[in-house]
Amino acid sequence: MALKLCQTLPIYDPSSGELRIGPFDYSKFPGGEALLHMPDHMILQNLSTSPFAEPPHFVESTKAAVRYICNHPRPRETVFSNRPRCYIQDPQTGEWVPRQA
């Protein structure tokens, strides 16, 4: 199996305070659908680095992430519409909110 090097992309611009994500694509996730049908204990055992210390929502969160990847095999088009998603931090709440155009 060949190792494919991935580039880490900077997503935060400290001068503007903007978080800018994408657009990007990823490789097809073979076996993703099969993971969704695995028993919870198998997901916990095989996809966690510390199965006895995971929070109760670990399995459902993992399945949700896998489902999202399977439902969006071309995220550049289906998630990002070929444009980045940009966020700024709300000074009142500290939450990241979509930047208004």
N, C-alpha and C. Protein backbone atom coordinates (compact mmCIF):
# COMPACT_ATOMS: atom_id res chain seq x y z
N MET A 1 0.84 -1.17 0.00
CA MET A 1 0.00 0.00 0.00
C MET A 1 0.89 1.24 0.00
N ALA A 2 0.62 2.18 -0.87
CA ALA A 2 1.40 3.40 -0.95
C ALA A 2 0.90 4.42 0.06
N LEU A 3 1.82 5.11 0.68
CA LEU A 3 1.48 6.15 1.63
C LEU A 3 1.30 7.45 0.88
N LYS A 4 0.17 8.10 1.08
CA LYS A 4 -0.11 9.35 0.40
C LYS A 4 0.08 10.49 1.40
N LEU A 5 0.96 11.42 1.08
CA LEU A 5 1.19 12.56 1.96
C LEU A 5 0.08 13.58 1.78
N CYS A 6 -0.37 14.13 2.87
CA CYS A 6 -1.42 15.14 2.85
C CYS A 6 -0.85 16.47 3.31
N GLN A 7 -1.37 17.51 2.76
CA GLN A 7 -0.94 18.84 3.12
C GLN A 7 -1.87 19.37 4.21
N THR A 8 -1.28 19.95 5.26
CA THR A 8 -2.07 20.61 6.29
C THR A 8 -2.34 22.03 5.83
N LEU A 9 -3.59 22.41 5.83
CA LEU A 9 -3.96 23.72 5.36
C LEU A 9 -4.20 24.66 6.53
N PRO A 10 -3.67 25.87 6.45
CA PRO A 10 -3.96 26.84 7.51
C PRO A 10 -5.43 27.27 7.40
N ILE A 11 -6.14 27.30 8.52
CA ILE A 11 -7.55 27.67 8.46
C ILE A 11 -7.86 28.94 9.25
N TYR A 12 -6.92 29.41 10.06
CA TYR A 12 -7.17 30.60 10.87
C TYR A 12 -6.27 31.74 10.46
N ASP A 13 -6.86 32.90 10.25
CA ASP A 13 -6.11 34.11 9.91
C ASP A 13 -6.11 35.03 11.13
N PRO A 14 -4.99 35.08 11.86
CA PRO A 14 -4.97 35.90 13.08
C PRO A 14 -5.14 37.39 12.82
N SER A 15 -4.79 37.86 11.63
CA SER A 15 -4.92 39.30 11.36
C SER A 15 -6.39 39.71 11.20
N SER A 16 -7.23 38.82 10.68
CA SER A 16 -8.65 39.15 10.51
C SER A 16 -9.53 38.45 11.55
N GLY A 17 -8.96 37.46 12.24
CA GLY A 17 -9.75 36.69 13.21
C GLY A 17 -10.73 35.75 12.55
N GLU A 18 -10.49 35.46 11.27
CA GLU A 18 -11.41 34.63 10.49
C GLU A 18 -10.96 33.17 10.45
N LEU A 19 -11.91 32.29 10.60
CA LEU A 19 -11.71 30.86 10.43
C LEU A 19 -12.26 30.52 9.05
N ARG A 20 -11.39 30.01 8.18
CA ARG A 20 -11.77 29.77 6.78
C ARG A 20 -11.51 28.30 6.45
N ILE A 21 -12.59 27.57 6.18
CA ILE A 21 -12.50 26.13 5.95
C ILE A 21 -12.89 25.80 4.51
N GLY A 22 -12.01 25.06 3.84
CA GLY A 22 -12.29 24.56 2.50
C GLY A 22 -12.14 25.62 1.44
N PRO A 23 -12.61 25.25 0.27
CA PRO A 23 -13.21 23.96 -0.07
C PRO A 23 -12.13 22.88 -0.23
N PHE A 24 -12.52 21.64 -0.02
CA PHE A 24 -11.60 20.53 -0.18
C PHE A 24 -12.37 19.27 -0.57
N ASP A 25 -11.65 18.30 -1.04
CA ASP A 25 -12.18 16.97 -1.35
C ASP A 25 -11.41 15.95 -0.52
N TYR A 26 -11.95 14.76 -0.42
CA TYR A 26 -11.24 13.66 0.21
C TYR A 26 -11.49 12.41 -0.62
N SER A 27 -10.67 11.42 -0.38
CA SER A 27 -10.80 10.16 -1.12
C SER A 27 -12.04 9.41 -0.68
N LYS A 28 -12.54 8.59 -1.56
CA LYS A 28 -13.68 7.74 -1.24
C LYS A 28 -13.35 6.91 0.00
N PHE A 29 -14.34 6.69 0.85
CA PHE A 29 -14.15 5.99 2.12
C PHE A 29 -14.67 4.57 1.98
N PRO A 30 -13.83 3.64 1.46
CA PRO A 30 -14.30 2.27 1.29
C PRO A 30 -14.61 1.66 2.65
N GLY A 31 -15.72 0.99 2.73
CA GLY A 31 -16.11 0.36 3.98
C GLY A 31 -16.88 1.26 4.91
N GLY A 32 -17.10 2.50 4.51
CA GLY A 32 -17.84 3.43 5.36
C GLY A 32 -19.25 2.95 5.68
N GLU A 33 -19.94 2.48 4.67
CA GLU A 33 -21.32 1.98 4.88
C GLU A 33 -21.31 0.79 5.84
N ALA A 34 -20.31 -0.07 5.72
CA ALA A 34 -20.22 -1.24 6.60
C ALA A 34 -20.02 -0.81 8.05
N LEU A 35 -19.25 0.25 8.26
CA LEU A 35 -19.04 0.75 9.63
C LEU A 35 -20.36 1.15 10.29
N LEU A 36 -21.26 1.70 9.49
CA LEU A 36 -22.53 2.16 10.04
C LEU A 36 -23.39 1.00 10.56
N HIS A 37 -23.10 -0.20 10.10
CA HIS A 37 -23.89 -1.37 10.52
C HIS A 37 -23.18 -2.21 11.58
N MET A 38 -22.00 -1.77 11.99
CA MET A 38 -21.27 -2.50 13.03
C MET A 38 -21.94 -2.28 14.39
N PRO A 39 -21.88 -3.27 15.26
CA PRO A 39 -22.39 -3.07 16.62
C PRO A 39 -21.58 -1.98 17.33
N ASP A 40 -22.23 -1.29 18.24
CA ASP A 40 -21.58 -0.18 18.94
C ASP A 40 -20.28 -0.58 19.60
N HIS A 41 -20.26 -1.75 20.23
CA HIS A 41 -19.04 -2.16 20.93
C HIS A 41 -17.86 -2.36 19.96
N MET A 42 -18.15 -2.74 18.72
CA MET A 42 -17.09 -2.91 17.72
C MET A 42 -16.53 -1.55 17.29
N ILE A 43 -17.40 -0.58 17.13
CA ILE A 43 -16.94 0.77 16.77
C ILE A 43 -16.08 1.32 17.90
N LEU A 44 -16.54 1.18 19.11
CA LEU A 44 -15.79 1.66 20.26
C LEU A 44 -14.44 0.96 20.36
N GLN A 45 -14.43 -0.32 20.17
CA GLN A 45 -13.20 -1.12 20.29
C GLN A 45 -12.20 -0.82 19.17
N ASN A 46 -12.70 -0.60 17.96
CA ASN A 46 -11.82 -0.47 16.80
C ASN A 46 -11.52 0.96 16.34
N LEU A 47 -12.33 1.92 16.75
CA LEU A 47 -12.12 3.29 16.27
C LEU A 47 -11.72 4.25 17.38
N SER A 48 -11.56 3.76 18.59
CA SER A 48 -11.16 4.61 19.70
C SER A 48 -9.76 4.23 20.16
N THR A 49 -9.00 5.23 20.56
CA THR A 49 -7.68 4.96 21.13
C THR A 49 -7.79 4.64 22.62
N SER A 50 -8.94 4.95 23.21
CA SER A 50 -9.15 4.70 24.65
C SER A 50 -10.62 4.35 24.88
N PRO A 51 -11.03 3.14 24.48
CA PRO A 51 -12.45 2.77 24.52
C PRO A 51 -13.10 2.84 25.89
N PHE A 52 -12.34 2.69 26.96
CA PHE A 52 -12.95 2.72 28.28
C PHE A 52 -13.09 4.14 28.83
N ALA A 53 -12.54 5.11 28.12
CA ALA A 53 -12.58 6.49 28.59
C ALA A 53 -13.42 7.41 27.71
N GLU A 54 -14.05 6.85 26.70
CA GLU A 54 -14.84 7.68 25.77
C GLU A 54 -16.14 8.15 26.43
N PRO A 55 -16.60 9.33 26.04
CA PRO A 55 -17.89 9.80 26.54
C PRO A 55 -19.03 8.97 25.94
N PRO A 56 -20.20 9.02 26.54
CA PRO A 56 -21.33 8.21 26.07
C PRO A 56 -21.72 8.45 24.60
N HIS A 57 -21.47 9.64 24.09
CA HIS A 57 -21.87 9.97 22.72
C HIS A 57 -20.83 9.59 21.67
N PHE A 58 -19.73 8.96 22.05
CA PHE A 58 -18.65 8.65 21.11
C PHE A 58 -19.12 7.86 19.90
N VAL A 59 -19.84 6.77 20.12
CA VAL A 59 -20.24 5.90 19.02
C VAL A 59 -21.19 6.64 18.08
N GLU A 60 -22.19 7.32 18.63
CA GLU A 60 -23.15 8.02 17.76
C GLU A 60 -22.47 9.16 17.01
N SER A 61 -21.55 9.86 17.64
CA SER A 61 -20.81 10.94 16.96
C SER A 61 -19.94 10.38 15.84
N THR A 62 -19.32 9.25 16.10
CA THR A 62 -18.47 8.60 15.09
C THR A 62 -19.32 8.16 13.91
N LYS A 63 -20.46 7.54 14.18
CA LYS A 63 -21.36 7.12 13.10
C LYS A 63 -21.87 8.31 12.31
N ALA A 64 -22.17 9.41 12.99
CA ALA A 64 -22.65 10.62 12.30
C ALA A 64 -21.58 11.16 11.36
N ALA A 65 -20.33 11.15 11.80
CA ALA A 65 -19.23 11.63 10.96
C ALA A 65 -19.05 10.72 9.74
N VAL A 66 -19.10 9.41 9.94
CA VAL A 66 -18.96 8.45 8.84
C VAL A 66 -20.13 8.61 7.87
N ARG A 67 -21.33 8.76 8.40
CA ARG A 67 -22.52 8.95 7.56
C ARG A 67 -22.37 10.20 6.70
N TYR A 68 -21.88 11.28 7.29
CA TYR A 68 -21.69 12.54 6.57
C TYR A 68 -20.69 12.36 5.43
N ILE A 69 -19.58 11.68 5.72
CA ILE A 69 -18.58 11.43 4.68
C ILE A 69 -19.16 10.58 3.55
N CYS A 70 -19.94 9.56 3.91
CA CYS A 70 -20.55 8.70 2.89
C CYS A 70 -21.58 9.47 2.06
N ASN A 71 -22.31 10.38 2.70
CA ASN A 71 -23.35 11.15 2.00
C ASN A 71 -22.78 12.27 1.15
N HIS A 72 -21.52 12.63 1.39
CA HIS A 72 -20.89 13.72 0.65
C HIS A 72 -19.55 13.27 0.09
N PRO A 73 -19.56 12.38 -0.92
CA PRO A 73 -18.30 11.89 -1.47
C PRO A 73 -17.51 12.96 -2.24
N ARG A 74 -18.16 14.06 -2.60
CA ARG A 74 -17.49 15.17 -3.28
C ARG A 74 -17.80 16.47 -2.52
N PRO A 75 -17.20 16.65 -1.33
CA PRO A 75 -17.57 17.80 -0.50
C PRO A 75 -17.27 19.15 -1.13
N ARG A 76 -16.28 19.21 -2.00
CA ARG A 76 -16.00 20.49 -2.67
C ARG A 76 -17.26 21.03 -3.34
N GLU A 77 -18.06 20.12 -3.89
CA GLU A 77 -19.29 20.52 -4.58
C GLU A 77 -20.50 20.52 -3.66
N THR A 78 -20.68 19.45 -2.88
CA THR A 78 -21.92 19.27 -2.12
C THR A 78 -21.95 20.00 -0.78
N VAL A 79 -20.81 20.25 -0.20
CA VAL A 79 -20.76 20.93 1.10
C VAL A 79 -20.37 22.39 0.93
N PHE A 80 -19.37 22.63 0.10
CA PHE A 80 -18.80 23.97 -0.02
C PHE A 80 -19.29 24.76 -1.23
N SER A 81 -19.94 24.11 -2.17
CA SER A 81 -20.33 24.79 -3.42
C SER A 81 -19.14 25.51 -4.04
N ASN A 82 -17.97 24.86 -3.95
CA ASN A 82 -16.71 25.38 -4.51
C ASN A 82 -16.26 26.71 -3.88
N ARG A 83 -16.78 27.02 -2.68
CA ARG A 83 -16.38 28.24 -1.96
C ARG A 83 -16.05 27.87 -0.52
N PRO A 84 -15.13 28.59 0.11
CA PRO A 84 -14.83 28.29 1.51
C PRO A 84 -15.99 28.69 2.42
N ARG A 85 -16.03 28.06 3.57
CA ARG A 85 -16.95 28.48 4.63
C ARG A 85 -16.15 29.33 5.59
N CYS A 86 -16.63 30.53 5.87
CA CYS A 86 -15.89 31.47 6.70
C CYS A 86 -16.68 31.78 7.97
N TYR A 87 -15.96 31.84 9.08
CA TYR A 87 -16.57 32.08 10.38
C TYR A 87 -15.77 33.13 11.14
N ILE A 88 -16.47 33.86 12.01
CA ILE A 88 -15.82 34.77 12.94
C ILE A 88 -16.32 34.43 14.33
N GLN A 89 -15.53 34.78 15.32
CA GLN A 89 -15.91 34.46 16.69
C GLN A 89 -16.78 35.59 17.24
N ASP A 90 -17.94 35.22 17.74
CA ASP A 90 -18.86 36.19 18.34
C ASP A 90 -18.24 36.69 19.64
N PRO A 91 -18.03 38.01 19.76
CA PRO A 91 -17.37 38.53 20.96
C PRO A 91 -18.20 38.35 22.24
N GLN A 92 -19.51 38.22 22.09
CA GLN A 92 -20.39 38.06 23.25
C GLN A 92 -20.38 36.63 23.78
N THR A 93 -20.47 35.65 22.86
CA THR A 93 -20.61 34.24 23.28
C THR A 93 -19.35 33.43 23.12
N GLY A 94 -18.43 33.90 22.28
CA GLY A 94 -17.22 33.13 22.00
C GLY A 94 -17.45 32.03 20.97
N GLU A 95 -18.69 31.89 20.48
CA GLU A 95 -18.99 30.86 19.47
C GLU A 95 -18.57 31.32 18.08
N TRP A 96 -18.24 30.34 17.24
CA TRP A 96 -17.89 30.64 15.85
C TRP A 96 -19.19 30.70 15.06
N VAL A 97 -19.41 31.81 14.39
CA VAL A 97 -20.64 32.02 13.62
C VAL A 97 -20.27 32.32 12.17
N PRO A 98 -21.15 31.96 11.22
CA PRO A 98 -20.84 32.25 9.81
C PRO A 98 -20.64 33.74 9.61
N ARG A 99 -19.61 34.06 8.83
CA ARG A 99 -19.36 35.45 8.48
C ARG A 99 -20.42 35.92 7.51
N GLN A 100 -20.97 37.06 7.77
CA GLN A 100 -21.97 37.62 6.86
C GLN A 100 -21.26 38.27 5.68
N ALA A 101 -21.73 37.99 4.48
CA ALA A 101 -21.09 38.52 3.27
C ALA A 101 -21.32 39.99 3.11
